[in-house]
Amino acid sequence: MNIQMFNFWYWFWLIISLGSTIGLYFLLRNKSAKTQKIVLFSILILGLVAHFIKFLYPPYSTDHARMLRDAWFVNICGANIGLFPFMFLSKDKRVKDYMFYLGMLGGLIAVFVPLEPIAKVNQAAEWIDIIRFYFHHTMLYAVPLLMVLFKLHTLSYKRVFWCPVYLLVVMLFIMLNQVFQSELGFIPLRGDDIINVNYKNSSLIWGPGNESFAVVFTALCPKIFKTIPCGEYAGQTKYWPWFWLIVPAFVYLVPICFAICMIFDHKNFRSDFAIVKSKINDYIDMIKARRKAKATSPDTAIAVNDSTVNIVSIDDKVNQNKTTQVPSDTDVSTNQ
C-alpha cells in the first residue's frame, strides 16, 4: 500500500471514509435518539482509546521517543480527539457548534489531503497507523455531522462568532500540553527559545515557522503581535505565541462557519433578515416623511407617530372651526 495524491489507495481510503459515514447515517436514521447518542458517543470513546494504544504498533512501538511525544495532544485534530467525547456530553450549544465546525473542517481536510500517510517513508510497515489515521479523521467529521443530521444538536448562525473563541481556547490547551512535554523531557528541551516553531508545530500556535501556506495568516497579524516589545531584542520580529493567530482566527473562521451553517439554518436567517429589512425600510420611510414635512409651508402642523406622518393645514383647522361655530343670539332671533 502506497498512498499518493489521486492514486488507487488515495481513492480507496477516501471512499471507505465517506461510505462508512453514509452507511452509518442510514443505519441509525430510524433509531431512537437515545440509540443514536449511544452509538456516536461510543465511536468517540473508541477514538480516544485508539489514540492511547498507538504504542502497540509501528512506528510508535519501534520508536519509544516518538511514542511518548505523539501520545500527547499536540495539534488541533489530536486535541479534538481528546475533547470531543466531553463536548458531545455537554449541554452548551456553543461547544457543540465548535465540535461540528472544527470537526468538519479538520476531518474532511485531512481525509481529502492525507499529508500524514503520504509523508510516511515505509507505508507498508505502518499500515495499521494509516488505518488509525483514517478512522480518527473520519470520526472527527462523521460524528458531529450525524449529530446535526439526527437533530441531536441544532446549529444557529447567531453563534458562529463563538467558534474562533473556542478554537483559541483549544489552542491554549495544546500549548499547555507542549509546555509540559518540554519541561518533562518528552520533546527536546528548550534552548534559546521556549519552543522550536519548526518542530511539532502543525497548528502554528508558536509562530508561522517555515510553512509556505502560513502567509495567509501572517498577512492578517497585527504588527504588535509580531514584534518583541521590550528587553535586549526589543523591536525585532518575533510572532507572539497564540496571540498572533487571534485576528486570522476570526477573519477566516467566522465567514467559513457562517457559510457552512447556511446549509442547515438558512430558513431562520432568511426570516430574521426579512424582519430586519422591514424595520430598516420602515425607518427609511419615516425619515423621508419627516424631510417631506419640513419642506412644506411654515404654517403647517406636523403630527408624527412611529409609523405614519400626518400633515394638517392650520388654515383647514380654522375653516373647520368656522363651520362648526355655535350661532349667536342675534342669529337665532333673526331666524325666528
C-alpha atoms as a PDB file:
ATOM      1  CA  MET A   1       0.000   0.000   0.000  1.00  0.00           C
ATOM      2  CA  ASN A   2       1.419   3.333  -1.102  1.00  0.00           C
ATOM      3  CA  ILE A   3      -0.860   6.350  -0.734  1.00  0.00           C
ATOM      4  CA  GLN A   4      -0.164   9.276  -3.036  1.00  0.00           C
ATOM      5  CA  MET A   5      -2.493  12.041  -4.161  1.00  0.00           C
ATOM      6  CA  PHE A   6      -5.155  10.650  -6.524  1.00  0.00           C
ATOM      7  CA  ASN A   7      -3.671   7.170  -6.892  1.00  0.00           C
ATOM      8  CA  PHE A   8      -5.689   3.989  -6.254  1.00  0.00           C
ATOM      9  CA  TRP A   9      -5.105   3.877  -2.488  1.00  0.00           C
ATOM     10  CA  TYR A  10      -5.987   7.553  -2.129  1.00  0.00           C
ATOM     11  CA  TRP A  11      -9.420   6.942  -3.661  1.00  0.00           C
ATOM     12  CA  PHE A  12      -9.792   3.642  -1.823  1.00  0.00           C
ATOM     13  CA  TRP A  13      -9.494   5.207   1.625  1.00  0.00           C
ATOM     14  CA  LEU A  14     -11.485   8.282   0.655  1.00  0.00           C
ATOM     15  CA  ILE A  15     -14.384   6.116  -0.497  1.00  0.00           C
ATOM     16  CA  ILE A  16     -14.122   3.995   2.663  1.00  0.00           C
ATOM     17  CA  SER A  17     -14.268   7.141   4.790  1.00  0.00           C
ATOM     18  CA  LEU A  18     -17.219   8.755   3.027  1.00  0.00           C
ATOM     19  CA  GLY A  19     -19.007   5.444   2.517  1.00  0.00           C
ATOM     20  CA  SER A  20     -18.819   4.467   6.177  1.00  0.00           C
ATOM     21  CA  THR A  21     -20.316   7.826   7.135  1.00  0.00           C
ATOM     22  CA  ILE A  22     -23.199   7.416   4.682  1.00  0.00           C
ATOM     23  CA  GLY A  23     -23.724   3.826   5.807  1.00  0.00           C
ATOM     24  CA  LEU A  24     -23.825   4.861   9.462  1.00  0.00           C
ATOM     25  CA  TYR A  25     -26.418   7.511   8.617  1.00  0.00           C
ATOM     26  CA  PHE A  26     -28.784   5.001   7.011  1.00  0.00           C
ATOM     27  CA  LEU A  27     -28.164   2.531   9.823  1.00  0.00           C
ATOM     28  CA  LEU A  28     -29.127   4.993  12.556  1.00  0.00           C
ATOM     29  CA  ARG A  29     -31.605   7.376  10.940  1.00  0.00           C
ATOM     30  CA  ASN A  30     -34.702   5.440  12.069  1.00  0.00           C
ATOM     31  CA  LYS A  31     -33.340   4.605  15.527  1.00  0.00           C
ATOM     32  CA  SER A  32     -34.298   6.392  18.707  1.00  0.00           C
ATOM     33  CA  ALA A  33     -32.370   9.484  19.804  1.00  0.00           C
ATOM     34  CA  LYS A  34     -31.028   7.512  22.756  1.00  0.00           C
ATOM     35  CA  THR A  35     -29.592   4.802  20.476  1.00  0.00           C
ATOM     36  CA  GLN A  36     -28.077   7.422  18.177  1.00  0.00           C
ATOM     37  CA  LYS A  37     -26.382   9.153  21.105  1.00  0.00           C
ATOM     38  CA  ILE A  38     -25.007   5.885  22.492  1.00  0.00           C
ATOM     39  CA  VAL A  39     -23.555   4.810  19.131  1.00  0.00           C
ATOM     40  CA  LEU A  40     -21.988   8.198  18.350  1.00  0.00           C
ATOM     41  CA  PHE A  41     -20.549   8.559  21.844  1.00  0.00           C
ATOM     42  CA  SER A  42     -19.135   5.020  21.656  1.00  0.00           C
ATOM     43  CA  ILE A  43     -17.319   5.931  18.436  1.00  0.00           C
ATOM     44  CA  LEU A  44     -15.756   8.958  20.141  1.00  0.00           C
ATOM     45  CA  ILE A  45     -14.629   6.838  23.095  1.00  0.00           C
ATOM     46  CA  LEU A  46     -13.159   4.262  20.710  1.00  0.00           C
ATOM     47  CA  GLY A  47     -11.236   7.078  19.031  1.00  0.00           C
ATOM     48  CA  LEU A  48      -9.867   8.265  22.370  1.00  0.00           C
ATOM     49  CA  VAL A  49      -8.751   4.732  23.246  1.00  0.00           C
ATOM     50  CA  ALA A  50      -7.133   4.331  19.814  1.00  0.00           C
ATOM     51  CA  HIS A  51      -5.111   7.478  20.468  1.00  0.00           C
ATOM     52  CA  PHE A  52      -3.503   5.974  23.578  1.00  0.00           C
ATOM     53  CA  ILE A  53      -2.790   2.464  22.300  1.00  0.00           C
ATOM     54  CA  LYS A  54      -0.545   3.593  19.455  1.00  0.00           C
ATOM     55  CA  PHE A  55       2.447   2.139  21.289  1.00  0.00           C
ATOM     56  CA  LEU A  56       1.244  -1.348  20.283  1.00  0.00           C
ATOM     57  CA  TYR A  57       2.149  -0.992  16.594  1.00  0.00           C
ATOM     58  CA  PRO A  58       4.721   0.723  14.350  1.00  0.00           C
ATOM     59  CA  PRO A  59       6.040   3.363  14.116  1.00  0.00           C
ATOM     60  CA  TYR A  60       5.418   4.007  17.822  1.00  0.00           C
ATOM     61  CA  SER A  61       6.286   0.509  19.046  1.00  0.00           C
ATOM     62  CA  THR A  62       9.686   0.788  17.382  1.00  0.00           C
ATOM     63  CA  ASP A  63      10.373   4.392  18.410  1.00  0.00           C
ATOM     64  CA  HIS A  64       9.938   4.933  22.135  1.00  0.00           C
ATOM     65  CA  ALA A  65      10.683   8.656  21.977  1.00  0.00           C
ATOM     66  CA  ARG A  66       8.068   9.190  19.280  1.00  0.00           C
ATOM     67  CA  MET A  67       5.521   7.167  21.216  1.00  0.00           C
ATOM     68  CA  LEU A  68       5.947   9.369  24.287  1.00  0.00           C
ATOM     69  CA  ARG A  69       5.853  12.515  22.173  1.00  0.00           C
ATOM     70  CA  ASP A  70       2.808  11.722  19.993  1.00  0.00           C
ATOM     71  CA  ALA A  71       0.688  10.256  22.783  1.00  0.00           C
ATOM     72  CA  TRP A  72       0.013  13.841  23.875  1.00  0.00           C
ATOM     73  CA  PHE A  73      -2.475  16.208  22.224  1.00  0.00           C
ATOM     74  CA  VAL A  74      -0.110  18.372  20.183  1.00  0.00           C
ATOM     75  CA  ASN A  75      -2.280  19.531  17.272  1.00  0.00           C
ATOM     76  CA  ILE A  76      -5.875  20.617  16.746  1.00  0.00           C
ATOM     77  CA  CYS A  77      -7.140  17.271  15.453  1.00  0.00           C
ATOM     78  CA  GLY A  78      -5.361  15.428  18.267  1.00  0.00           C
ATOM     79  CA  ALA A  79      -6.826  17.793  20.852  1.00  0.00           C
ATOM     80  CA  ASN A  80     -10.285  17.344  19.352  1.00  0.00           C
ATOM     81  CA  ILE A  81      -9.944  13.578  19.608  1.00  0.00           C
ATOM     82  CA  GLY A  82      -9.354  14.010  23.340  1.00  0.00           C
ATOM     83  CA  LEU A  83     -12.014  16.685  23.899  1.00  0.00           C
ATOM     84  CA  PHE A  84     -14.881  15.588  21.634  1.00  0.00           C
ATOM     85  CA  PRO A  85     -16.282  12.907  23.997  1.00  0.00           C
ATOM     86  CA  PHE A  86     -16.696  15.543  26.704  1.00  0.00           C
ATOM     87  CA  MET A  87     -18.053  18.108  24.253  1.00  0.00           C
ATOM     88  CA  PHE A  88     -20.600  15.588  22.997  1.00  0.00           C
ATOM     89  CA  LEU A  89     -21.975  15.203  26.541  1.00  0.00           C
ATOM     90  CA  SER A  90     -22.013  18.961  27.111  1.00  0.00           C
ATOM     91  CA  LYS A  91     -25.299  20.862  27.075  1.00  0.00           C
ATOM     92  CA  ASP A  92     -23.556  24.029  25.895  1.00  0.00           C
ATOM     93  CA  LYS A  93     -24.720  24.703  22.321  1.00  0.00           C
ATOM     94  CA  ARG A  94     -21.665  26.824  21.564  1.00  0.00           C
ATOM     95  CA  VAL A  95     -19.356  23.937  22.474  1.00  0.00           C
ATOM     96  CA  LYS A  96     -21.234  21.604  20.151  1.00  0.00           C
ATOM     97  CA  ASP A  97     -21.116  24.250  17.419  1.00  0.00           C
ATOM     98  CA  TYR A  98     -17.318  24.223  17.724  1.00  0.00           C
ATOM     99  CA  MET A  99     -17.371  20.430  17.655  1.00  0.00           C
ATOM    100  CA  PHE A 100     -19.330  20.487  14.399  1.00  0.00           C
ATOM    101  CA  TYR A 101     -17.422  23.197  12.532  1.00  0.00           C
ATOM    102  CA  LEU A 102     -13.882  22.190  13.517  1.00  0.00           C
ATOM    103  CA  GLY A 103     -14.686  18.502  13.221  1.00  0.00           C
ATOM    104  CA  MET A 104     -15.986  19.012   9.699  1.00  0.00           C
ATOM    105  CA  LEU A 105     -13.099  21.232   8.646  1.00  0.00           C
ATOM    106  CA  GLY A 106     -10.281  19.267  10.286  1.00  0.00           C
ATOM    107  CA  GLY A 107     -11.610  15.815   9.477  1.00  0.00           C
ATOM    108  CA  LEU A 108     -12.547  16.433   5.850  1.00  0.00           C
ATOM    109  CA  ILE A 109      -9.383  18.359   5.007  1.00  0.00           C
ATOM    110  CA  ALA A 110      -7.248  15.542   6.453  1.00  0.00           C
ATOM    111  CA  VAL A 111      -9.168  12.878   4.523  1.00  0.00           C
ATOM    112  CA  PHE A 112      -9.065  14.754   1.209  1.00  0.00           C
ATOM    113  CA  VAL A 113      -5.427  15.836   1.680  1.00  0.00           C
ATOM    114  CA  PRO A 114      -3.845  12.998   3.731  1.00  0.00           C
ATOM    115  CA  LEU A 115      -0.424  14.540   4.293  1.00  0.00           C
ATOM    116  CA  GLU A 116       0.470  12.303   7.243  1.00  0.00           C
ATOM    117  CA  PRO A 117       0.152   8.956   5.395  1.00  0.00           C
ATOM    118  CA  ILE A 118       1.799  10.390   2.285  1.00  0.00           C
ATOM    119  CA  ALA A 119       4.783  11.542   4.358  1.00  0.00           C
ATOM    120  CA  LYS A 120       5.427   8.052   5.735  1.00  0.00           C
ATOM    121  CA  VAL A 121       8.630   6.544   4.362  1.00  0.00           C
ATOM    122  CA  ASN A 122       7.521   2.939   4.863  1.00  0.00           C
ATOM    123  CA  GLN A 123       3.742   2.894   4.475  1.00  0.00           C
ATOM    124  CA  ALA A 124       3.603  -0.889   4.152  1.00  0.00           C
ATOM    125  CA  ALA A 125       5.108  -1.409   7.611  1.00  0.00           C
ATOM    126  CA  GLU A 126       2.851   1.255   9.132  1.00  0.00           C
ATOM    127  CA  TRP A 127      -0.461   0.199   7.583  1.00  0.00           C
ATOM    128  CA  ILE A 128      -2.149  -0.066  10.987  1.00  0.00           C
ATOM    129  CA  ASP A 129      -1.289   3.549  11.737  1.00  0.00           C
ATOM    130  CA  ILE A 130      -2.705   4.559   8.357  1.00  0.00           C
ATOM    131  CA  ILE A 131      -5.983   2.855   9.247  1.00  0.00           C
ATOM    132  CA  ARG A 132      -5.908   4.688  12.590  1.00  0.00           C
ATOM    133  CA  PHE A 133      -5.354   7.970  10.769  1.00  0.00           C
ATOM    134  CA  TYR A 134      -8.403   7.493   8.557  1.00  0.00           C
ATOM    135  CA  PHE A 135     -10.556   6.227  11.422  1.00  0.00           C
ATOM    136  CA  HIS A 136      -9.687   9.211  13.617  1.00  0.00           C
ATOM    137  CA  HIS A 137     -10.275  11.836  10.952  1.00  0.00           C
ATOM    138  CA  THR A 138     -13.430  10.163   9.659  1.00  0.00           C
ATOM    139  CA  MET A 139     -14.706  10.136  13.230  1.00  0.00           C
ATOM    140  CA  LEU A 140     -13.926  13.838  13.605  1.00  0.00           C
ATOM    141  CA  TYR A 141     -16.292  14.866  10.813  1.00  0.00           C
ATOM    142  CA  ALA A 142     -18.772  11.964  10.793  1.00  0.00           C
ATOM    143  CA  VAL A 143     -19.917  12.115  14.429  1.00  0.00           C
ATOM    144  CA  PRO A 144     -20.596  15.890  14.505  1.00  0.00           C
ATOM    145  CA  LEU A 145     -22.268  15.722  11.079  1.00  0.00           C
ATOM    146  CA  LEU A 146     -24.570  12.884  12.128  1.00  0.00           C
ATOM    147  CA  MET A 147     -25.225  14.672  15.422  1.00  0.00           C
ATOM    148  CA  VAL A 148     -26.669  17.583  13.435  1.00  0.00           C
ATOM    149  CA  LEU A 149     -28.436  15.476  10.785  1.00  0.00           C
ATOM    150  CA  PHE A 150     -30.183  13.471  13.524  1.00  0.00           C
ATOM    151  CA  LYS A 151     -31.160  16.771  15.196  1.00  0.00           C
ATOM    152  CA  LEU A 152     -29.302  15.880  18.376  1.00  0.00           C
ATOM    153  CA  HIS A 153     -27.946  19.410  18.057  1.00  0.00           C
ATOM    154  CA  THR A 154     -29.301  22.439  16.190  1.00  0.00           C
ATOM    155  CA  LEU A 155     -26.957  24.951  14.610  1.00  0.00           C
ATOM    156  CA  SER A 156     -27.604  28.693  14.696  1.00  0.00           C
ATOM    157  CA  TYR A 157     -25.921  31.320  12.561  1.00  0.00           C
ATOM    158  CA  LYS A 158     -26.137  33.674  15.548  1.00  0.00           C
ATOM    159  CA  ARG A 159     -23.478  31.638  17.389  1.00  0.00           C
ATOM    160  CA  VAL A 160     -20.809  31.401  14.674  1.00  0.00           C
ATOM    161  CA  PHE A 161     -18.767  34.177  16.325  1.00  0.00           C
ATOM    162  CA  TRP A 162     -18.078  31.810  19.240  1.00  0.00           C
ATOM    163  CA  CYS A 163     -16.295  29.223  17.099  1.00  0.00           C
ATOM    164  CA  PRO A 164     -12.931  31.073  16.897  1.00  0.00           C
ATOM    165  CA  VAL A 165     -13.178  31.778  20.632  1.00  0.00           C
ATOM    166  CA  TYR A 166     -13.363  28.065  21.428  1.00  0.00           C
ATOM    167  CA  LEU A 167     -10.655  27.304  18.869  1.00  0.00           C
ATOM    168  CA  LEU A 168      -8.317  29.713  20.649  1.00  0.00           C
ATOM    169  CA  VAL A 169      -9.164  28.031  23.974  1.00  0.00           C
ATOM    170  CA  VAL A 170      -8.302  24.634  22.468  1.00  0.00           C
ATOM    171  CA  MET A 171      -5.016  26.110  21.235  1.00  0.00           C
ATOM    172  CA  LEU A 172      -4.213  27.125  24.808  1.00  0.00           C
ATOM    173  CA  PHE A 173      -4.865  23.511  25.791  1.00  0.00           C
ATOM    174  CA  ILE A 174      -2.384  22.376  23.116  1.00  0.00           C
ATOM    175  CA  MET A 175       0.192  24.906  24.332  1.00  0.00           C
ATOM    176  CA  LEU A 176      -0.144  23.565  27.864  1.00  0.00           C
ATOM    177  CA  ASN A 177       0.465  20.040  26.554  1.00  0.00           C
ATOM    178  CA  GLN A 178       3.609  21.107  24.722  1.00  0.00           C
ATOM    179  CA  VAL A 179       4.980  23.092  27.657  1.00  0.00           C
ATOM    180  CA  PHE A 180       4.610  20.037  29.892  1.00  0.00           C
ATOM    181  CA  GLN A 181       6.199  17.855  27.205  1.00  0.00           C
ATOM    182  CA  SER A 182       9.183  20.179  27.059  1.00  0.00           C
ATOM    183  CA  GLU A 183       9.548  20.543  30.806  1.00  0.00           C
ATOM    184  CA  LEU A 184       9.244  16.792  31.408  1.00  0.00           C
ATOM    185  CA  GLY A 185      11.632  15.868  28.604  1.00  0.00           C
ATOM    186  CA  PHE A 186       9.207  14.225  26.179  1.00  0.00           C
ATOM    187  CA  ILE A 187      10.310  16.638  23.455  1.00  0.00           C
ATOM    188  CA  PRO A 188      13.732  18.331  23.172  1.00  0.00           C
ATOM    189  CA  LEU A 189      14.368  20.830  25.939  1.00  0.00           C
ATOM    190  CA  ARG A 190      14.292  24.483  25.047  1.00  0.00           C
ATOM    191  CA  GLY A 191      17.471  26.269  24.068  1.00  0.00           C
ATOM    192  CA  ASP A 192      17.400  29.908  23.001  1.00  0.00           C
ATOM    193  CA  ASP A 193      13.622  29.686  22.564  1.00  0.00           C
ATOM    194  CA  ILE A 194      10.918  28.003  24.630  1.00  0.00           C
ATOM    195  CA  ILE A 195       9.657  26.042  21.611  1.00  0.00           C
ATOM    196  CA  ASN A 196      11.169  25.416  18.188  1.00  0.00           C
ATOM    197  CA  VAL A 197       8.493  26.741  15.811  1.00  0.00           C
ATOM    198  CA  ASN A 198       9.645  24.311  13.117  1.00  0.00           C
ATOM    199  CA  TYR A 199       9.171  21.246  15.313  1.00  0.00           C
ATOM    200  CA  LYS A 200       5.757  19.707  16.126  1.00  0.00           C
ATOM    201  CA  ASN A 201       4.025  22.990  15.411  1.00  0.00           C
ATOM    202  CA  SER A 202       1.470  21.889  12.819  1.00  0.00           C
ATOM    203  CA  SER A 203      -1.184  24.174  14.312  1.00  0.00           C
ATOM    204  CA  LEU A 204       1.203  27.169  14.031  1.00  0.00           C
ATOM    205  CA  ILE A 205       0.478  28.183  17.615  1.00  0.00           C
ATOM    206  CA  TRP A 206       4.089  29.117  18.351  1.00  0.00           C
ATOM    207  CA  GLY A 207       4.589  31.001  15.103  1.00  0.00           C
ATOM    208  CA  PRO A 208       4.357  30.552  11.321  1.00  0.00           C
ATOM    209  CA  GLY A 209       7.569  28.540  11.004  1.00  0.00           C
ATOM    210  CA  ASN A 210       8.736  27.608   7.511  1.00  0.00           C
ATOM    211  CA  GLU A 211       5.340  26.549   6.143  1.00  0.00           C
ATOM    212  CA  SER A 212       4.621  28.284   2.834  1.00  0.00           C
ATOM    213  CA  PHE A 213       0.857  28.385   3.420  1.00  0.00           C
ATOM    214  CA  ALA A 214       1.354  30.375   6.650  1.00  0.00           C
ATOM    215  CA  VAL A 215       1.461  33.600   4.617  1.00  0.00           C
ATOM    216  CA  VAL A 216      -2.363  33.657   4.575  1.00  0.00           C
ATOM    217  CA  PHE A 217      -2.220  34.039   8.367  1.00  0.00           C
ATOM    218  CA  THR A 218       0.826  36.293   8.733  1.00  0.00           C
ATOM    219  CA  ALA A 219      -0.747  38.822   6.349  1.00  0.00           C
ATOM    220  CA  LEU A 220      -3.514  39.432   8.904  1.00  0.00           C
ATOM    221  CA  CYS A 221      -1.347  39.508  12.011  1.00  0.00           C
ATOM    222  CA  PRO A 222      -1.187  42.989  13.614  1.00  0.00           C
ATOM    223  CA  LYS A 223       2.326  44.381  13.888  1.00  0.00           C
ATOM    224  CA  ILE A 224       2.108  44.497  17.671  1.00  0.00           C
ATOM    225  CA  PHE A 225       1.808  40.701  17.784  1.00  0.00           C
ATOM    226  CA  LYS A 226       4.950  40.090  15.727  1.00  0.00           C
ATOM    227  CA  THR A 227       7.365  42.466  17.414  1.00  0.00           C
ATOM    228  CA  ILE A 228       9.311  41.952  20.637  1.00  0.00           C
ATOM    229  CA  PRO A 229       8.129  44.821  22.862  1.00  0.00           C
ATOM    230  CA  CYS A 230      10.973  45.065  25.367  1.00  0.00           C
ATOM    231  CA  GLY A 231      14.279  43.609  26.520  1.00  0.00           C
ATOM    232  CA  GLU A 232      17.537  43.213  24.655  1.00  0.00           C
ATOM    233  CA  TYR A 233      15.728  42.055  21.498  1.00  0.00           C
ATOM    234  CA  ALA A 234      13.134  44.851  21.541  1.00  0.00           C
ATOM    235  CA  GLY A 235      11.906  45.795  18.072  1.00  0.00           C
ATOM    236  CA  GLN A 236      12.972  42.530  16.434  1.00  0.00           C
ATOM    237  CA  THR A 237      10.423  40.403  14.600  1.00  0.00           C
ATOM    238  CA  LYS A 238       9.018  37.528  16.601  1.00  0.00           C
ATOM    239  CA  TYR A 239       5.460  36.248  16.448  1.00  0.00           C
ATOM    240  CA  TRP A 240       3.810  36.161  19.846  1.00  0.00           C
ATOM    241  CA  PRO A 241       2.755  32.566  20.567  1.00  0.00           C
ATOM    242  CA  TRP A 242      -1.038  32.163  20.304  1.00  0.00           C
ATOM    243  CA  PHE A 243      -1.741  35.913  20.201  1.00  0.00           C
ATOM    244  CA  TRP A 244      -0.629  36.202  16.585  1.00  0.00           C
ATOM    245  CA  LEU A 245      -3.481  33.896  15.489  1.00  0.00           C
ATOM    246  CA  ILE A 246      -6.327  35.815  17.160  1.00  0.00           C
ATOM    247  CA  VAL A 247      -7.160  38.100  14.214  1.00  0.00           C
ATOM    248  CA  PRO A 248      -6.733  35.420  11.496  1.00  0.00           C
ATOM    249  CA  ALA A 249      -8.936  33.030  13.502  1.00  0.00           C
ATOM    250  CA  PHE A 250     -11.846  35.473  13.482  1.00  0.00           C
ATOM    251  CA  VAL A 251     -11.320  36.761   9.937  1.00  0.00           C
ATOM    252  CA  TYR A 252     -11.238  33.299   8.347  1.00  0.00           C
ATOM    253  CA  LEU A 253     -13.284  31.101  10.635  1.00  0.00           C
ATOM    254  CA  VAL A 254     -16.402  33.246  11.118  1.00  0.00           C
ATOM    255  CA  PRO A 255     -17.349  33.511   7.396  1.00  0.00           C
ATOM    256  CA  ILE A 256     -16.448  29.853   6.779  1.00  0.00           C
ATOM    257  CA  CYS A 257     -18.615  28.703   9.697  1.00  0.00           C
ATOM    258  CA  PHE A 258     -21.397  31.037   8.594  1.00  0.00           C
ATOM    259  CA  ALA A 259     -21.331  29.572   5.075  1.00  0.00           C
ATOM    260  CA  ILE A 260     -21.495  26.017   6.441  1.00  0.00           C
ATOM    261  CA  CYS A 261     -24.276  26.991   8.835  1.00  0.00           C
ATOM    262  CA  MET A 262     -26.393  28.331   5.973  1.00  0.00           C
ATOM    263  CA  ILE A 263     -26.817  24.754   4.748  1.00  0.00           C
ATOM    264  CA  PHE A 264     -28.716  23.951   7.939  1.00  0.00           C
ATOM    265  CA  ASP A 265     -30.032  27.280   9.253  1.00  0.00           C
ATOM    266  CA  HIS A 266     -30.857  29.252   6.099  1.00  0.00           C
ATOM    267  CA  LYS A 267     -34.578  29.430   6.904  1.00  0.00           C
ATOM    268  CA  ASN A 268     -34.028  31.193  10.227  1.00  0.00           C
ATOM    269  CA  PHE A 269     -31.520  33.531   8.626  1.00  0.00           C
ATOM    270  CA  ARG A 270     -33.925  34.376   5.801  1.00  0.00           C
ATOM    271  CA  SER A 271     -36.753  35.014   8.264  1.00  0.00           C
ATOM    272  CA  ASP A 272     -34.614  37.210  10.520  1.00  0.00           C
ATOM    273  CA  PHE A 273     -33.207  39.054   7.527  1.00  0.00           C
ATOM    274  CA  ALA A 274     -36.744  39.811   6.274  1.00  0.00           C
ATOM    275  CA  ILE A 275     -37.680  41.238   9.692  1.00  0.00           C
ATOM    276  CA  VAL A 276     -34.571  43.422   9.838  1.00  0.00           C
ATOM    277  CA  LYS A 277     -35.099  44.563   6.257  1.00  0.00           C
ATOM    278  CA  SER A 278     -38.712  45.510   7.043  1.00  0.00           C
ATOM    279  CA  LYS A 279     -37.656  47.550  10.078  1.00  0.00           C
ATOM    280  CA  ILE A 280     -34.974  49.336   8.064  1.00  0.00           C
ATOM    281  CA  ASN A 281     -37.468  50.170   5.321  1.00  0.00           C
ATOM    282  CA  ASP A 282     -39.953  51.497   7.903  1.00  0.00           C
ATOM    283  CA  TYR A 283     -37.252  53.673   9.405  1.00  0.00           C
ATOM    284  CA  ILE A 284     -36.232  54.996   5.986  1.00  0.00           C
ATOM    285  CA  ASP A 285     -39.873  55.797   5.153  1.00  0.00           C
ATOM    286  CA  MET A 286     -40.235  57.659   8.443  1.00  0.00           C
ATOM    287  CA  ILE A 287     -37.102  59.725   7.732  1.00  0.00           C
ATOM    288  CA  LYS A 288     -38.344  60.550   4.226  1.00  0.00           C
ATOM    289  CA  ALA A 289     -41.733  61.596   5.603  1.00  0.00           C
ATOM    290  CA  ARG A 290     -40.105  63.886   8.153  1.00  0.00           C
ATOM    291  CA  ARG A 291     -37.962  65.529   5.467  1.00  0.00           C
ATOM    292  CA  LYS A 292     -41.015  65.994   3.256  1.00  0.00           C
ATOM    293  CA  ALA A 293     -42.910  67.560   6.148  1.00  0.00           C
ATOM    294  CA  LYS A 294     -40.099  70.023   6.838  1.00  0.00           C
ATOM    295  CA  ALA A 295     -40.123  71.051   3.186  1.00  0.00           C
ATOM    296  CA  THR A 296     -43.798  72.210   3.393  1.00  0.00           C
ATOM    297  CA  SER A 297     -45.009  75.791   4.279  1.00  0.00           C
ATOM    298  CA  PRO A 298     -44.257  77.110   7.799  1.00  0.00           C
ATOM    299  CA  ASP A 299     -47.967  77.326   8.686  1.00  0.00           C
ATOM    300  CA  THR A 300     -48.228  73.553   8.689  1.00  0.00           C
ATOM    301  CA  ALA A 301     -48.671  71.459  11.819  1.00  0.00           C
ATOM    302  CA  ILE A 302     -46.886  68.124  11.772  1.00  0.00           C
ATOM    303  CA  ALA A 303     -48.024  65.118  13.764  1.00  0.00           C
ATOM    304  CA  VAL A 304     -45.583  62.204  13.714  1.00  0.00           C
ATOM    305  CA  ASN A 305     -46.024  58.765  15.207  1.00  0.00           C
ATOM    306  CA  ASP A 306     -43.983  55.551  14.909  1.00  0.00           C
ATOM    307  CA  SER A 307     -45.268  54.502  11.506  1.00  0.00           C
ATOM    308  CA  THR A 308     -47.019  57.452   9.803  1.00  0.00           C
ATOM    309  CA  VAL A 309     -46.724  61.203   9.365  1.00  0.00           C
ATOM    310  CA  ASN A 310     -49.972  63.221   9.203  1.00  0.00           C
ATOM    311  CA  ILE A 311     -49.878  66.823   7.939  1.00  0.00           C
ATOM    312  CA  VAL A 312     -52.839  69.035   8.775  1.00  0.00           C
ATOM    313  CA  SER A 313     -53.076  72.625   7.452  1.00  0.00           C
ATOM    314  CA  ILE A 314     -53.696  75.329  10.047  1.00  0.00           C
ATOM    315  CA  ASP A 315     -55.993  77.126   7.536  1.00  0.00           C
ATOM    316  CA  ASP A 316     -58.044  73.947   7.260  1.00  0.00           C
ATOM    317  CA  LYS A 317     -58.293  73.877  11.027  1.00  0.00           C
ATOM    318  CA  VAL A 318     -59.570  77.494  11.059  1.00  0.00           C
ATOM    319  CA  ASN A 319     -62.117  76.843   8.344  1.00  0.00           C
ATOM    320  CA  GLN A 320     -63.272  73.708  10.150  1.00  0.00           C
ATOM    321  CA  ASN A 321     -63.787  75.731  13.360  1.00  0.00           C
ATOM    322  CA  LYS A 322     -65.798  78.380  11.460  1.00  0.00           C
ATOM    323  CA  THR A 323     -68.179  75.819  10.012  1.00  0.00           C
ATOM    324  CA  THR A 324     -68.781  74.223  13.377  1.00  0.00           C
ATOM    325  CA  GLN A 325     -69.119  77.532  15.353  1.00  0.00           C
ATOM    326  CA  VAL A 326     -72.241  77.819  17.578  1.00  0.00           C
ATOM    327  CA  PRO A 327     -74.743  80.506  16.249  1.00  0.00           C
ATOM    328  CA  SER A 328     -75.022  83.767  18.270  1.00  0.00           C
ATOM    329  CA  ASP A 329     -78.265  85.024  19.976  1.00  0.00           C
ATOM    330  CA  THR A 330     -78.735  87.633  17.229  1.00  0.00           C
ATOM    331  CA  ASP A 331     -78.681  84.969  14.566  1.00  0.00           C
ATOM    332  CA  VAL A 332     -81.259  82.959  16.453  1.00  0.00           C
ATOM    333  CA  SER A 333     -83.684  85.918  16.869  1.00  0.00           C
ATOM    334  CA  THR A 334     -83.350  86.871  13.196  1.00  0.00           C
ATOM    335  CA  ASN A 335     -84.222  83.392  12.108  1.00  0.00           C
ATOM    336  CA  GLN A 336     -87.292  83.461  14.283  1.00  0.00           C
END
